[in-house]
Amino acid sequence: MLEKVPPFFKNKFVFTFLLFVGWMIFFDQYDLINVFKLKHQLQDIEASAEFYENEIKQTQEQIDELQTNPKAIERYAREKYLMKSEDEEIIILENPND
C-alpha cells in the first residue's frame, strides 16, 4: 500500500506541514471562510461609519448655521414644522406617485 503513495508524502515533515495547512484552512477558528466573512463585515462597517461621519458633519454645519443666522432659524421652522406668520397660509402639495 505504501508503494502507491508518492515519495513526496512519505516525508513526515511534508505530511505534517500539509496536515497543518489543511487544519488552518478548514477546521481552525479563523479558517478561510470565516476570514472572508469577517473581512466583508468589516468593509460594511467601515462604509456605514463613513456614512455616519458625513451625516454628523452635515448636522454640525446645520447647527452652526442655525446658531448664527436668524433667517436660517425661520427657514428651518417653516420647512420642518410648517410654521407661518400671521398673514400667511400654508399650502402643502403632495406628489401622488410617492
N, C-alpha and C. Protein backbone atom coordinates (compact mmCIF):
# COMPACT_ATOMS: atom_id res chain seq x y z
N MET A 1 0.81 -1.18 0.00
CA MET A 1 0.00 0.00 0.00
C MET A 1 0.87 1.26 0.00
N LEU A 2 2.02 1.23 0.65
CA LEU A 2 2.89 2.40 0.66
C LEU A 2 3.55 2.64 -0.69
N GLU A 3 3.50 1.66 -1.56
CA GLU A 3 4.08 1.86 -2.88
C GLU A 3 3.26 2.84 -3.72
N LYS A 4 1.97 2.96 -3.45
CA LYS A 4 1.10 3.85 -4.21
C LYS A 4 1.22 5.31 -3.76
N VAL A 5 1.75 5.53 -2.59
CA VAL A 5 1.89 6.90 -2.06
C VAL A 5 3.11 7.54 -2.71
N PRO A 6 2.97 8.75 -3.26
CA PRO A 6 4.13 9.41 -3.86
C PRO A 6 5.22 9.66 -2.81
N PRO A 7 6.46 9.64 -3.22
CA PRO A 7 7.56 9.81 -2.26
C PRO A 7 7.50 11.17 -1.57
N PHE A 8 6.85 12.11 -2.19
CA PHE A 8 6.73 13.45 -1.60
C PHE A 8 5.99 13.38 -0.27
N PHE A 9 4.98 12.51 -0.17
CA PHE A 9 4.17 12.42 1.03
C PHE A 9 4.76 11.47 2.08
N LYS A 10 5.79 10.76 1.75
CA LYS A 10 6.41 9.86 2.72
C LYS A 10 7.25 10.61 3.73
N ASN A 11 7.66 11.80 3.40
CA ASN A 11 8.44 12.61 4.32
C ASN A 11 7.51 13.09 5.44
N LYS A 12 7.87 12.86 6.70
CA LYS A 12 6.99 13.20 7.82
C LYS A 12 6.84 14.72 7.97
N PHE A 13 7.83 15.49 7.57
CA PHE A 13 7.74 16.94 7.68
C PHE A 13 6.76 17.51 6.66
N VAL A 14 6.79 16.98 5.45
CA VAL A 14 5.84 17.42 4.42
C VAL A 14 4.43 17.03 4.82
N PHE A 15 4.28 15.80 5.31
CA PHE A 15 2.96 15.35 5.75
C PHE A 15 2.44 16.21 6.89
N THR A 16 3.28 16.53 7.85
CA THR A 16 2.88 17.38 8.97
C THR A 16 2.53 18.78 8.49
N PHE A 17 3.31 19.31 7.58
CA PHE A 17 3.02 20.65 7.05
C PHE A 17 1.68 20.67 6.31
N LEU A 18 1.42 19.67 5.48
CA LEU A 18 0.16 19.61 4.75
C LEU A 18 -1.02 19.42 5.70
N LEU A 19 -0.82 18.63 6.74
CA LEU A 19 -1.86 18.46 7.75
C LEU A 19 -2.14 19.79 8.45
N PHE A 20 -1.09 20.51 8.79
CA PHE A 20 -1.23 21.82 9.44
C PHE A 20 -1.96 22.81 8.53
N VAL A 21 -1.57 22.86 7.26
CA VAL A 21 -2.21 23.77 6.31
C VAL A 21 -3.69 23.40 6.14
N GLY A 22 -3.97 22.12 6.03
CA GLY A 22 -5.37 21.68 5.92
C GLY A 22 -6.18 22.06 7.15
N TRP A 23 -5.58 21.91 8.31
CA TRP A 23 -6.27 22.29 9.55
C TRP A 23 -6.55 23.80 9.56
N MET A 24 -5.57 24.60 9.19
CA MET A 24 -5.73 26.06 9.20
C MET A 24 -6.76 26.53 8.17
N ILE A 25 -6.86 25.85 7.05
CA ILE A 25 -7.79 26.27 6.00
C ILE A 25 -9.23 25.87 6.34
N PHE A 26 -9.44 24.70 6.91
CA PHE A 26 -10.79 24.19 7.04
C PHE A 26 -11.32 24.09 8.47
N PHE A 27 -10.49 23.84 9.46
CA PHE A 27 -11.01 23.49 10.78
C PHE A 27 -10.70 24.50 11.89
N ASP A 28 -9.82 25.41 11.66
CA ASP A 28 -9.43 26.34 12.71
C ASP A 28 -10.55 27.35 12.96
N GLN A 29 -10.45 28.03 14.09
CA GLN A 29 -11.44 29.05 14.42
C GLN A 29 -11.45 30.17 13.37
N TYR A 30 -10.31 30.51 12.85
CA TYR A 30 -10.18 31.56 11.84
C TYR A 30 -9.85 30.93 10.47
N ASP A 31 -10.68 30.00 10.04
CA ASP A 31 -10.46 29.38 8.74
C ASP A 31 -10.77 30.38 7.63
N LEU A 32 -10.53 30.00 6.41
CA LEU A 32 -10.68 30.91 5.28
C LEU A 32 -12.10 31.45 5.13
N ILE A 33 -13.08 30.63 5.36
CA ILE A 33 -14.47 31.06 5.21
C ILE A 33 -14.78 32.16 6.22
N ASN A 34 -14.40 31.94 7.47
CA ASN A 34 -14.65 32.96 8.50
C ASN A 34 -13.85 34.23 8.24
N VAL A 35 -12.65 34.10 7.74
CA VAL A 35 -11.84 35.27 7.44
C VAL A 35 -12.49 36.11 6.36
N PHE A 36 -13.00 35.48 5.32
CA PHE A 36 -13.68 36.23 4.25
C PHE A 36 -14.97 36.86 4.75
N LYS A 37 -15.72 36.15 5.60
CA LYS A 37 -16.94 36.73 6.17
C LYS A 37 -16.61 37.95 7.04
N LEU A 38 -15.59 37.81 7.87
CA LEU A 38 -15.21 38.93 8.74
C LEU A 38 -14.68 40.11 7.94
N LYS A 39 -13.97 39.84 6.86
CA LYS A 39 -13.47 40.91 6.01
C LYS A 39 -14.62 41.66 5.36
N HIS A 40 -15.61 40.94 4.87
CA HIS A 40 -16.79 41.56 4.25
C HIS A 40 -17.56 42.38 5.29
N GLN A 41 -17.70 41.83 6.48
CA GLN A 41 -18.39 42.54 7.55
C GLN A 41 -17.64 43.81 7.94
N LEU A 42 -16.33 43.75 7.97
CA LEU A 42 -15.53 44.93 8.28
C LEU A 42 -15.71 46.01 7.21
N GLN A 43 -15.75 45.62 5.95
CA GLN A 43 -15.98 46.59 4.88
C GLN A 43 -17.34 47.25 5.01
N ASP A 44 -18.37 46.48 5.37
CA ASP A 44 -19.69 47.05 5.57
C ASP A 44 -19.70 48.04 6.74
N ILE A 45 -19.03 47.69 7.81
CA ILE A 45 -18.98 48.57 8.98
C ILE A 45 -18.22 49.84 8.66
N GLU A 46 -17.13 49.73 7.93
CA GLU A 46 -16.37 50.93 7.55
C GLU A 46 -17.18 51.83 6.64
N ALA A 47 -17.97 51.25 5.74
CA ALA A 47 -18.82 52.06 4.86
C ALA A 47 -19.90 52.78 5.66
N SER A 48 -20.50 52.09 6.61
CA SER A 48 -21.53 52.74 7.42
C SER A 48 -20.92 53.79 8.33
N ALA A 49 -19.71 53.56 8.82
CA ALA A 49 -19.04 54.56 9.65
C ALA A 49 -18.77 55.82 8.83
N GLU A 50 -18.35 55.66 7.60
CA GLU A 50 -18.11 56.81 6.73
C GLU A 50 -19.42 57.57 6.47
N PHE A 51 -20.50 56.83 6.25
CA PHE A 51 -21.81 57.46 6.04
C PHE A 51 -22.21 58.29 7.26
N TYR A 52 -22.07 57.71 8.44
CA TYR A 52 -22.47 58.42 9.66
C TYR A 52 -21.55 59.60 9.96
N GLU A 53 -20.29 59.50 9.62
CA GLU A 53 -19.40 60.65 9.79
C GLU A 53 -19.83 61.80 8.90
N ASN A 54 -20.24 61.51 7.66
CA ASN A 54 -20.75 62.55 6.77
C ASN A 54 -22.04 63.15 7.30
N GLU A 55 -22.92 62.31 7.84
CA GLU A 55 -24.17 62.80 8.41
C GLU A 55 -23.89 63.70 9.62
N ILE A 56 -22.96 63.32 10.45
CA ILE A 56 -22.60 64.14 11.61
C ILE A 56 -22.04 65.49 11.16
N LYS A 57 -21.21 65.47 10.13
CA LYS A 57 -20.65 66.70 9.60
C LYS A 57 -21.75 67.63 9.08
N GLN A 58 -22.69 67.08 8.32
CA GLN A 58 -23.79 67.89 7.78
C GLN A 58 -24.67 68.45 8.90
N THR A 59 -24.94 67.63 9.89
CA THR A 59 -25.76 68.08 11.01
C THR A 59 -25.06 69.17 11.79
N GLN A 60 -23.77 69.03 11.99
CA GLN A 60 -23.00 70.05 12.71
C GLN A 60 -23.01 71.37 11.93
N GLU A 61 -22.93 71.29 10.61
CA GLU A 61 -23.00 72.50 9.80
C GLU A 61 -24.37 73.16 9.93
N GLN A 62 -25.42 72.36 9.95
CA GLN A 62 -26.76 72.91 10.14
C GLN A 62 -26.91 73.56 11.51
N ILE A 63 -26.38 72.95 12.53
CA ILE A 63 -26.44 73.51 13.88
C ILE A 63 -25.70 74.83 13.93
N ASP A 64 -24.51 74.87 13.36
CA ASP A 64 -23.74 76.12 13.34
C ASP A 64 -24.50 77.21 12.60
N GLU A 65 -25.12 76.86 11.48
CA GLU A 65 -25.90 77.83 10.71
C GLU A 65 -27.09 78.33 11.52
N LEU A 66 -27.78 77.43 12.20
CA LEU A 66 -28.94 77.83 13.00
C LEU A 66 -28.56 78.68 14.21
N GLN A 67 -27.38 78.47 14.75
CA GLN A 67 -26.95 79.25 15.91
C GLN A 67 -26.48 80.65 15.54
N THR A 68 -26.12 80.86 14.29
CA THR A 68 -25.56 82.15 13.91
C THR A 68 -26.48 82.98 13.02
N ASN A 69 -27.44 82.38 12.36
CA ASN A 69 -28.23 83.09 11.37
C ASN A 69 -29.72 83.02 11.73
N PRO A 70 -30.34 84.17 12.09
CA PRO A 70 -31.77 84.15 12.43
C PRO A 70 -32.66 83.79 11.23
N LYS A 71 -32.24 84.15 10.03
CA LYS A 71 -33.02 83.79 8.84
C LYS A 71 -33.04 82.27 8.66
N ALA A 72 -31.95 81.61 9.01
CA ALA A 72 -31.90 80.15 8.90
C ALA A 72 -32.84 79.50 9.89
N ILE A 73 -32.98 80.09 11.07
CA ILE A 73 -33.92 79.55 12.06
C ILE A 73 -35.34 79.64 11.52
N GLU A 74 -35.68 80.78 10.95
CA GLU A 74 -37.02 80.97 10.39
C GLU A 74 -37.27 79.98 9.25
N ARG A 75 -36.30 79.84 8.36
CA ARG A 75 -36.44 78.91 7.23
C ARG A 75 -36.60 77.48 7.73
N TYR A 76 -35.82 77.09 8.73
CA TYR A 76 -35.90 75.74 9.28
C TYR A 76 -37.28 75.50 9.91
N ALA A 77 -37.77 76.47 10.66
CA ALA A 77 -39.08 76.33 11.29
C ALA A 77 -40.18 76.22 10.25
N ARG A 78 -40.07 76.99 9.18
CA ARG A 78 -41.09 76.93 8.13
C ARG A 78 -41.05 75.58 7.41
N GLU A 79 -39.86 75.06 7.13
CA GLU A 79 -39.76 73.80 6.38
C GLU A 79 -40.10 72.58 7.22
N LYS A 80 -39.57 72.52 8.42
CA LYS A 80 -39.70 71.30 9.22
C LYS A 80 -40.99 71.26 10.03
N TYR A 81 -41.40 72.40 10.56
CA TYR A 81 -42.54 72.41 11.47
C TYR A 81 -43.75 73.11 10.90
N LEU A 82 -43.68 73.51 9.62
CA LEU A 82 -44.78 74.15 8.92
C LEU A 82 -45.30 75.38 9.66
N MET A 83 -44.41 76.13 10.28
CA MET A 83 -44.80 77.36 10.97
C MET A 83 -45.01 78.46 9.94
N LYS A 84 -45.83 79.42 10.33
CA LYS A 84 -46.12 80.51 9.42
C LYS A 84 -46.32 81.78 10.23
N SER A 85 -46.27 82.89 9.53
CA SER A 85 -46.58 84.14 10.21
C SER A 85 -48.09 84.36 10.15
N GLU A 86 -48.55 85.40 10.82
CA GLU A 86 -49.99 85.64 10.97
C GLU A 86 -50.70 85.85 9.64
N ASP A 87 -50.06 86.47 8.69
CA ASP A 87 -50.73 86.83 7.44
C ASP A 87 -50.46 85.85 6.30
N GLU A 88 -50.04 84.63 6.62
CA GLU A 88 -49.70 83.65 5.58
C GLU A 88 -50.62 82.44 5.67
N GLU A 89 -50.73 81.76 4.57
CA GLU A 89 -51.39 80.47 4.52
C GLU A 89 -50.39 79.44 3.99
N ILE A 90 -50.53 78.24 4.49
CA ILE A 90 -49.63 77.17 4.05
C ILE A 90 -50.40 76.22 3.16
N ILE A 91 -49.87 75.96 1.99
CA ILE A 91 -50.47 75.01 1.07
C ILE A 91 -49.45 73.89 0.86
N ILE A 92 -49.84 72.68 1.18
CA ILE A 92 -48.95 71.53 1.05
C ILE A 92 -49.36 70.76 -0.19
N LEU A 93 -48.43 70.61 -1.10
CA LEU A 93 -48.67 69.84 -2.31
C LEU A 93 -47.97 68.50 -2.19
N GLU A 94 -48.73 67.44 -2.35
CA GLU A 94 -48.16 66.10 -2.27
C GLU A 94 -48.13 65.48 -3.66
N ASN A 95 -47.08 64.77 -3.91
CA ASN A 95 -46.94 64.08 -5.18
C ASN A 95 -47.70 62.76 -5.11
N PRO A 96 -48.65 62.51 -6.02
CA PRO A 96 -49.43 61.26 -5.94
C PRO A 96 -48.60 60.01 -6.22
N ASN A 97 -47.41 60.15 -6.80
CA ASN A 97 -46.55 58.99 -7.08
C ASN A 97 -45.80 58.51 -5.85
N ASP A 98 -45.73 59.31 -4.79
CA ASP A 98 -44.98 58.93 -3.59
C ASP A 98 -45.76 58.00 -2.72
